Amino acid sequence: MLFSKLITFLIQGFVIGSGPCIIICAPILLPYIAGTKRTWQEGLKATLVFSLTRLVVYTFMGGVVGYVGYYLFQLFQGQIWAKFLWVFAGLFIITLGGLIAFGKGIKNPVCQMLQKQTLANSTKSMLFLGLVIGLSPCLPLLAVLTEIMFLAEKFYQGFLYGFAFGIGTVISPLLLLGALAPLIPAKFIKTDKAMRVFNIICGALLVIVGLYIIFKKLF
């Protein structure tokens, strides 16, 4: 059961990293790489630093909400009314999934602000971007953290779920785009049709997880 959940979070990380995360991160990350890097190796290195920083952030955040979920699980276990809390969480995730599928609420105000800033050409810039964007609130991340909170039955599982999700974002197409950014014109970096497809897949996955959380407690 734990392994299947880890695979689910890995897939979600890949899908979210391929859709909503690209919409959020690409306008900041790729023009910066294209403007400051000259080879695909430099672009790949910059994207890896950015992505691995987010991986650390997601693992830590997953651990925090997982511990909260573990505490709630221990506190409310056996309580009849606690089912309503799980149903609310499932409905919340389903709602976020629907918004993401229809392309609503994807833009991150923090990322929009960063997009206007000029950063120095250094590894520290990538660390900074990875840290800030990893900690910035957005609907996909909020939905995943809610999942982790209500699916973590052991205190350590949140770290594992957050790590699996983070690995999925690392291996997403953003890594390839980052490597290619110095070599291709900026107008070819983003494909709107592909973004919409990944948003729909991402939203559908969240809806499925929300339904799973509801039916797991009601039946």
Protein backbone atom coordinates (compact mmCIF):
# COMPACT_ATOMS: atom_id res chain seq x y z
CA MET A 1 0.00 0.00 0.00
CA LEU A 2 2.81 2.42 0.86
CA PHE A 3 4.59 1.64 -2.40
CA SER A 4 1.45 2.28 -4.47
CA LYS A 5 0.96 5.64 -2.76
CA LEU A 6 4.57 6.57 -3.43
CA ILE A 7 4.07 5.74 -7.11
CA THR A 8 0.91 7.87 -7.12
CA PHE A 9 2.76 10.88 -5.71
CA LEU A 10 5.63 10.29 -8.14
CA ILE A 11 3.19 10.33 -11.07
CA GLN A 12 1.46 13.42 -9.69
CA GLY A 13 4.81 15.16 -9.36
CA PHE A 14 5.65 14.33 -12.98
CA VAL A 15 2.25 15.45 -14.29
CA ILE A 16 2.14 18.62 -12.19
CA GLY A 17 5.75 19.32 -13.09
CA SER A 18 4.86 18.88 -16.76
CA GLY A 19 1.80 21.14 -16.69
CA PRO A 20 1.05 23.63 -13.90
CA CYS A 21 4.68 23.84 -12.74
CA ILE A 22 5.88 24.67 -16.24
CA ILE A 23 3.25 27.39 -16.51
CA ILE A 24 4.48 28.81 -13.20
CA CYS A 25 8.22 28.25 -13.52
CA ALA A 26 8.98 28.45 -17.24
CA PRO A 27 8.39 32.23 -17.63
CA ILE A 28 10.91 32.80 -14.81
CA LEU A 29 13.46 30.02 -15.23
CA LEU A 30 13.81 29.50 -18.97
CA PRO A 31 14.36 33.11 -20.10
CA TYR A 32 16.95 33.44 -17.34
CA ILE A 33 18.78 30.32 -18.54
CA ALA A 34 18.48 31.32 -22.18
CA GLY A 35 19.94 34.74 -21.41
CA THR A 36 22.80 33.67 -19.15
CA LYS A 37 23.83 30.17 -20.28
CA ARG A 38 25.57 29.24 -23.51
CA THR A 39 25.56 25.42 -23.57
CA TRP A 40 23.04 22.69 -22.81
CA GLN A 41 25.28 21.44 -19.99
CA GLU A 42 25.05 24.83 -18.25
CA GLY A 43 21.29 24.90 -18.78
CA LEU A 44 20.92 21.39 -17.39
CA LYS A 45 23.03 22.22 -14.34
CA ALA A 46 21.01 25.37 -13.59
CA THR A 47 17.71 23.50 -13.93
CA LEU A 48 18.96 20.65 -11.72
CA VAL A 49 19.99 23.08 -8.97
CA PHE A 50 16.56 24.72 -9.17
CA SER A 51 14.67 21.40 -9.23
CA LEU A 52 16.69 19.72 -6.46
CA THR A 53 16.17 22.74 -4.22
CA ARG A 54 12.42 22.35 -4.72
CA LEU A 55 12.80 18.63 -3.99
CA VAL A 56 14.28 19.44 -0.57
CA VAL A 57 11.50 21.95 0.11
CA TYR A 58 8.74 19.50 -0.92
CA THR A 59 10.26 16.74 1.23
CA PHE A 60 10.37 19.03 4.26
CA MET A 61 6.84 20.37 3.70
CA GLY A 62 5.56 16.84 3.14
CA GLY A 63 7.12 15.79 6.44
CA VAL A 64 5.51 18.70 8.30
CA VAL A 65 1.99 18.15 6.97
CA GLY A 66 2.47 14.37 7.24
CA TYR A 67 3.27 14.72 10.93
CA VAL A 68 0.16 16.88 11.38
CA GLY A 69 -1.87 14.25 9.53
CA TYR A 70 -0.39 11.49 11.69
CA TYR A 71 -1.32 13.44 14.82
CA LEU A 72 -4.87 13.99 13.53
CA PHE A 73 -5.12 10.30 12.61
CA GLN A 74 -4.16 9.31 16.16
CA LEU A 75 -6.40 11.95 17.72
CA PHE A 76 -9.54 11.28 15.71
CA GLN A 77 -9.19 7.53 15.12
CA GLY A 78 -12.47 5.81 15.97
CA GLN A 79 -14.47 9.04 16.12
CA ILE A 80 -17.63 8.86 13.99
CA TRP A 81 -17.70 12.59 13.22
CA ALA A 82 -14.11 12.41 11.97
CA LYS A 83 -15.46 10.95 8.72
CA PHE A 84 -16.87 14.36 7.89
CA LEU A 85 -13.35 15.82 8.12
CA TRP A 86 -12.11 13.28 5.58
CA VAL A 87 -15.07 13.97 3.30
CA PHE A 88 -14.36 17.70 3.48
CA ALA A 89 -10.70 17.06 2.61
CA GLY A 90 -11.73 14.88 -0.35
CA LEU A 91 -14.15 17.50 -1.64
CA PHE A 92 -11.48 20.17 -1.22
CA ILE A 93 -9.01 18.18 -3.33
CA ILE A 94 -11.69 17.45 -5.95
CA THR A 95 -12.50 21.17 -6.16
CA LEU A 96 -8.84 22.09 -6.64
CA GLY A 97 -8.51 19.35 -9.26
CA GLY A 98 -11.47 20.79 -11.16
CA LEU A 99 -10.02 24.31 -11.05
CA ILE A 100 -6.65 23.08 -12.31
CA ALA A 101 -8.24 21.01 -15.09
CA PHE A 102 -10.01 24.13 -16.37
CA GLY A 103 -6.85 26.25 -16.05
CA LYS A 104 -8.09 28.34 -13.14
CA GLY A 105 -5.87 29.63 -10.35
CA ILE A 106 -2.60 28.45 -11.88
CA LYS A 107 -0.77 31.77 -11.79
CA ASN A 108 1.30 32.43 -8.70
CA PRO A 109 1.57 36.10 -7.61
CA VAL A 110 4.96 35.47 -6.02
CA CYS A 111 6.26 33.99 -9.26
CA GLN A 112 4.83 36.86 -11.26
CA MET A 113 6.75 39.26 -9.02
CA LEU A 114 9.97 37.26 -9.43
CA GLN A 115 9.52 37.25 -13.19
CA LYS A 116 10.06 41.01 -13.20
CA GLN A 117 13.28 40.82 -11.21
CA THR A 118 16.78 40.48 -12.65
CA LEU A 119 18.88 37.87 -10.86
CA ALA A 120 22.65 37.52 -10.88
CA ASN A 121 24.19 34.81 -13.02
CA SER A 122 25.08 32.33 -10.28
CA THR A 123 24.13 29.05 -8.67
CA LYS A 124 22.79 31.05 -5.73
CA SER A 125 20.14 32.50 -8.03
CA MET A 126 18.87 29.01 -8.85
CA LEU A 127 18.89 28.05 -5.17
CA PHE A 128 16.94 31.19 -4.36
CA LEU A 129 14.38 30.60 -7.12
CA GLY A 130 13.94 26.94 -6.14
CA LEU A 131 13.45 27.89 -2.49
CA VAL A 132 11.01 30.73 -3.11
CA ILE A 133 8.94 28.93 -5.75
CA GLY A 134 8.94 25.72 -3.69
CA LEU A 135 7.52 27.60 -0.71
CA SER A 136 5.10 29.71 -2.76
CA PRO A 137 1.42 28.75 -2.49
CA CYS A 138 -0.29 27.42 -5.61
CA LEU A 139 -3.34 25.21 -6.15
CA PRO A 140 -1.50 22.03 -7.26
CA LEU A 141 0.91 22.14 -4.30
CA LEU A 142 -1.90 22.93 -1.87
CA ALA A 143 -3.86 19.93 -3.15
CA VAL A 144 -0.86 17.58 -2.86
CA LEU A 145 -0.06 18.75 0.68
CA THR A 146 -3.69 18.17 1.65
CA GLU A 147 -3.42 14.65 0.22
CA ILE A 148 -0.27 13.98 2.21
CA MET A 149 -1.88 15.24 5.40
CA PHE A 150 -4.82 12.86 5.10
CA LEU A 151 -2.98 9.86 3.68
CA ALA A 152 -0.02 9.79 6.10
CA GLU A 153 -0.78 7.22 8.78
CA LYS A 154 2.80 7.13 10.13
CA PHE A 155 4.83 10.17 11.13
CA TYR A 156 7.57 9.42 8.57
CA GLN A 157 5.30 8.84 5.59
CA GLY A 158 4.87 12.55 4.91
CA PHE A 159 8.59 12.85 4.17
CA LEU A 160 8.42 9.88 1.79
CA TYR A 161 5.35 11.22 -0.02
CA GLY A 162 6.87 14.69 -0.31
CA PHE A 163 10.12 13.19 -1.60
CA ALA A 164 8.30 11.04 -4.19
CA PHE A 165 6.32 14.07 -5.38
CA GLY A 166 9.52 16.13 -5.58
CA ILE A 167 11.30 13.44 -7.61
CA GLY A 168 8.40 13.53 -10.06
CA THR A 169 8.84 17.29 -10.56
CA VAL A 170 12.60 16.84 -11.04
CA ILE A 171 12.22 14.32 -13.88
CA SER A 172 9.48 16.34 -15.60
CA PRO A 173 9.99 17.94 -19.03
CA LEU A 174 11.16 21.13 -17.29
CA LEU A 175 14.58 19.46 -16.97
CA LEU A 176 14.79 18.94 -20.73
CA LEU A 177 13.50 22.43 -21.46
CA GLY A 178 16.10 23.89 -19.12
CA ALA A 179 18.87 22.05 -20.94
CA LEU A 180 17.56 23.18 -24.34
CA ALA A 181 16.80 26.77 -23.31
CA PRO A 182 20.22 28.12 -24.38
CA LEU A 183 19.85 26.45 -27.79
CA ILE A 184 16.30 27.24 -28.91
CA PRO A 185 14.32 30.45 -29.46
CA ALA A 186 12.13 31.43 -26.50
CA LYS A 187 8.93 31.31 -28.58
CA PHE A 188 9.35 27.53 -29.02
CA ILE A 189 9.70 26.82 -25.29
CA LYS A 190 6.03 26.72 -24.43
CA THR A 191 3.23 24.84 -26.21
CA ASP A 192 -0.21 25.93 -25.00
CA LYS A 193 -1.98 22.78 -26.21
CA ALA A 194 0.44 20.52 -24.31
CA MET A 195 0.01 22.64 -21.18
CA ARG A 196 -3.77 22.25 -21.35
CA VAL A 197 -3.46 18.48 -21.72
CA PHE A 198 -1.21 18.20 -18.67
CA ASN A 199 -3.54 20.46 -16.67
CA ILE A 200 -6.48 18.18 -17.47
CA ILE A 201 -4.49 15.07 -16.51
CA CYS A 202 -3.30 16.74 -13.31
CA GLY A 203 -6.83 17.81 -12.38
CA ALA A 204 -8.20 14.35 -13.14
CA LEU A 205 -5.60 12.70 -10.90
CA LEU A 206 -6.51 15.03 -8.04
CA VAL A 207 -10.21 14.30 -8.51
CA ILE A 208 -9.48 10.56 -8.38
CA VAL A 209 -7.45 10.96 -5.18
CA GLY A 210 -10.20 13.08 -3.63
CA LEU A 211 -12.77 10.42 -4.42
CA TYR A 212 -10.44 7.77 -3.00
CA ILE A 213 -10.14 9.66 0.29
CA ILE A 214 -13.92 10.02 0.55
CA PHE A 215 -14.78 6.41 -0.29
CA LYS A 216 -11.97 5.06 1.88
CA LYS A 217 -13.66 6.49 4.98
CA LEU A 218 -17.30 6.13 4.04
CA PHE A 219 -17.25 2.55 2.75
